[in-house]
Amino acid sequence: MMQLKVHTPIGTILDLPVKKIDLEGLDGFWTLLPKHADFINTLVAGIVSYTTENDKTLYIACNRGVVVKKDKEVRISTPLAILDDNLEKLTHTIEIDFKQMEEERKEVNTTIARLEIGLIKGMKALKTEGGISDGL
């Protein structure tokens, strides 16, 4: 058995013994078992499945994150996790909600980059006019 702990910014949302964990990292799909070597990877937005002590398979929709296996403990740290036993519902969450959130995150990053570029151009313009003596 392994101890699976799932952490989000609001706290630990899952802490229980499991037999097996299936997940998707940046470099493909992985299955973690108790005797596997220690492991660290970056999770992509997707479904993590785990098998409990009584052989029930449950699911976690994770919006990116990091997974660390050390000895018999597996920790997942993610900005958003949704627990459910309904795979179809979680698949819908991944396809619609998480992708929308990712698009919004990209838009915010683009806006911030544009503001930074505008600030740099403004500072350079002030410098060429003699208003700023150092820094750029």
Protein backbone atom coordinates (compact mmCIF):
# COMPACT_ATOMS: atom_id res chain seq x y z
CA MET A 1 0.00 0.00 0.00
CA MET A 2 0.98 3.62 -0.59
CA GLN A 3 -0.32 6.73 1.13
CA LEU A 4 -1.78 9.18 -1.41
CA LYS A 5 -1.95 12.83 -0.37
CA VAL A 6 -3.42 15.49 -2.64
CA HIS A 7 -2.69 19.12 -1.78
CA THR A 8 -4.29 22.26 -3.21
CA PRO A 9 -3.91 25.90 -2.14
CA ILE A 10 -6.88 25.44 0.21
CA GLY A 11 -5.32 22.43 1.98
CA THR A 12 -5.05 18.66 1.85
CA ILE A 13 -8.14 17.28 0.11
CA LEU A 14 -7.20 13.60 0.10
CA ASP A 15 -5.10 11.44 2.40
CA LEU A 16 -5.68 7.69 2.18
CA PRO A 17 -3.94 4.36 1.50
CA VAL A 18 -4.07 3.15 -2.10
CA LYS A 19 -2.84 0.15 -4.08
CA LYS A 20 -2.13 1.83 -7.41
CA ILE A 21 -2.09 5.29 -9.02
CA ASP A 22 -2.38 6.04 -12.76
CA LEU A 23 -1.49 9.53 -13.97
CA GLU A 24 -0.28 11.52 -16.96
CA GLY A 25 2.93 13.54 -16.82
CA LEU A 26 4.59 15.72 -19.42
CA ASP A 27 6.41 12.66 -20.75
CA GLY A 28 3.49 10.23 -20.90
CA PHE A 29 1.32 7.97 -18.78
CA TRP A 30 2.61 6.36 -15.57
CA THR A 31 1.42 3.76 -13.09
CA LEU A 32 2.80 3.97 -9.57
CA LEU A 33 2.88 0.88 -7.37
CA PRO A 34 4.21 0.56 -3.79
CA LYS A 35 7.55 -1.05 -4.74
CA HIS A 36 8.35 1.28 -7.64
CA ALA A 37 11.37 3.55 -7.44
CA ASP A 38 11.01 7.06 -6.10
CA PHE A 39 9.56 9.36 -8.71
CA ILE A 40 8.94 13.04 -9.46
CA ASN A 41 7.11 14.45 -12.46
CA THR A 42 5.02 17.34 -13.69
CA LEU A 43 1.34 16.55 -14.22
CA VAL A 44 -0.61 17.79 -17.19
CA ALA A 45 -4.26 18.77 -16.82
CA GLY A 46 -6.05 15.44 -16.74
CA ILE A 47 -7.44 12.57 -14.72
CA VAL A 48 -5.51 10.77 -11.98
CA SER A 49 -7.04 7.42 -11.07
CA TYR A 50 -6.30 5.44 -7.94
CA THR A 51 -7.31 2.05 -6.57
CA THR A 52 -8.34 1.90 -2.92
CA GLU A 53 -7.75 -0.91 -0.40
CA ASN A 54 -11.11 -2.48 -1.34
CA ASP A 55 -10.26 -2.42 -5.09
CA LYS A 56 -12.54 0.51 -5.93
CA THR A 57 -11.21 2.85 -8.63
CA LEU A 58 -11.75 6.56 -7.99
CA TYR A 59 -10.68 9.65 -9.90
CA ILE A 60 -9.22 13.11 -9.42
CA ALA A 61 -9.38 15.80 -12.10
CA CYS A 62 -6.16 17.81 -11.67
CA ASN A 63 -5.41 21.09 -13.38
CA ARG A 64 -1.65 20.58 -13.78
CA GLY A 65 0.64 20.00 -10.83
CA VAL A 66 3.55 18.02 -9.46
CA VAL A 67 3.65 14.42 -8.23
CA VAL A 68 6.34 13.10 -5.89
CA LYS A 69 6.67 9.44 -4.82
CA LYS A 70 9.06 8.82 -1.96
CA ASP A 71 9.10 5.41 -0.37
CA LYS A 72 5.43 4.52 0.16
CA GLU A 73 4.09 8.07 0.09
CA VAL A 74 2.79 9.83 -3.02
CA ARG A 75 2.06 13.55 -2.87
CA ILE A 76 0.27 15.47 -5.57
CA SER A 77 0.32 19.25 -5.46
CA THR A 78 -2.10 20.95 -7.83
CA PRO A 79 -3.81 24.34 -8.09
CA LEU A 80 -7.19 22.67 -8.54
CA ALA A 81 -8.43 19.13 -7.91
CA ILE A 82 -11.91 17.66 -8.13
CA LEU A 83 -12.60 14.24 -6.59
CA ASP A 84 -15.31 11.98 -8.02
CA ASP A 85 -16.11 8.39 -8.89
CA ASN A 86 -17.84 9.47 -12.12
CA LEU A 87 -15.20 9.39 -14.87
CA GLU A 88 -17.53 10.84 -17.50
CA LYS A 89 -18.28 13.90 -15.36
CA LEU A 90 -14.59 14.51 -14.66
CA THR A 91 -13.68 14.07 -18.32
CA HIS A 92 -16.20 16.80 -19.16
CA THR A 93 -14.63 19.02 -16.49
CA ILE A 94 -11.20 18.55 -18.07
CA GLU A 95 -12.43 19.16 -21.62
CA ILE A 96 -14.51 22.25 -20.88
CA ASP A 97 -13.70 23.94 -17.58
CA PHE A 98 -9.95 23.34 -17.31
CA LYS A 99 -9.33 24.28 -20.95
CA GLN A 100 -11.33 27.48 -20.48
CA MET A 101 -9.32 28.30 -17.36
CA GLU A 102 -6.08 27.68 -19.29
CA GLU A 103 -7.19 30.05 -22.06
CA GLU A 104 -8.02 32.72 -19.47
CA ARG A 105 -4.61 32.22 -17.85
CA LYS A 106 -2.91 32.68 -21.23
CA GLU A 107 -4.89 35.88 -21.87
CA VAL A 108 -3.84 37.29 -18.50
CA ASN A 109 -0.18 36.41 -19.18
CA THR A 110 -0.38 38.08 -22.60
CA THR A 111 -1.89 41.24 -21.08
CA ILE A 112 0.82 41.36 -18.40
CA ALA A 113 3.55 40.94 -21.05
CA ARG A 114 2.07 43.81 -23.08
CA LEU A 115 1.98 46.05 -19.99
CA GLU A 116 5.62 45.21 -19.23
CA ILE A 117 6.66 46.03 -22.81
CA GLY A 118 4.77 49.33 -22.66
CA LEU A 119 6.44 50.21 -19.37
CA ILE A 120 9.90 49.44 -20.75
CA LYS A 121 9.25 51.52 -23.88
CA GLY A 122 7.98 54.39 -21.75
CA MET A 123 11.04 54.26 -19.50
CA LYS A 124 13.36 54.23 -22.54
CA ALA A 125 11.52 57.21 -24.02
CA LEU A 126 11.99 59.15 -20.78
CA LYS A 127 15.66 58.24 -20.73
CA THR A 128 16.25 59.49 -24.28
CA GLU A 129 14.52 62.76 -23.40
CA GLY A 130 16.95 63.21 -20.51
CA GLY A 131 14.40 62.61 -17.78
CA ILE A 132 16.10 59.51 -16.35
CA SER A 133 19.83 59.28 -15.77
CA ASP A 134 20.28 55.57 -15.02
CA GLY A 135 18.46 52.26 -14.79
CA LEU A 136 17.82 51.57 -18.50
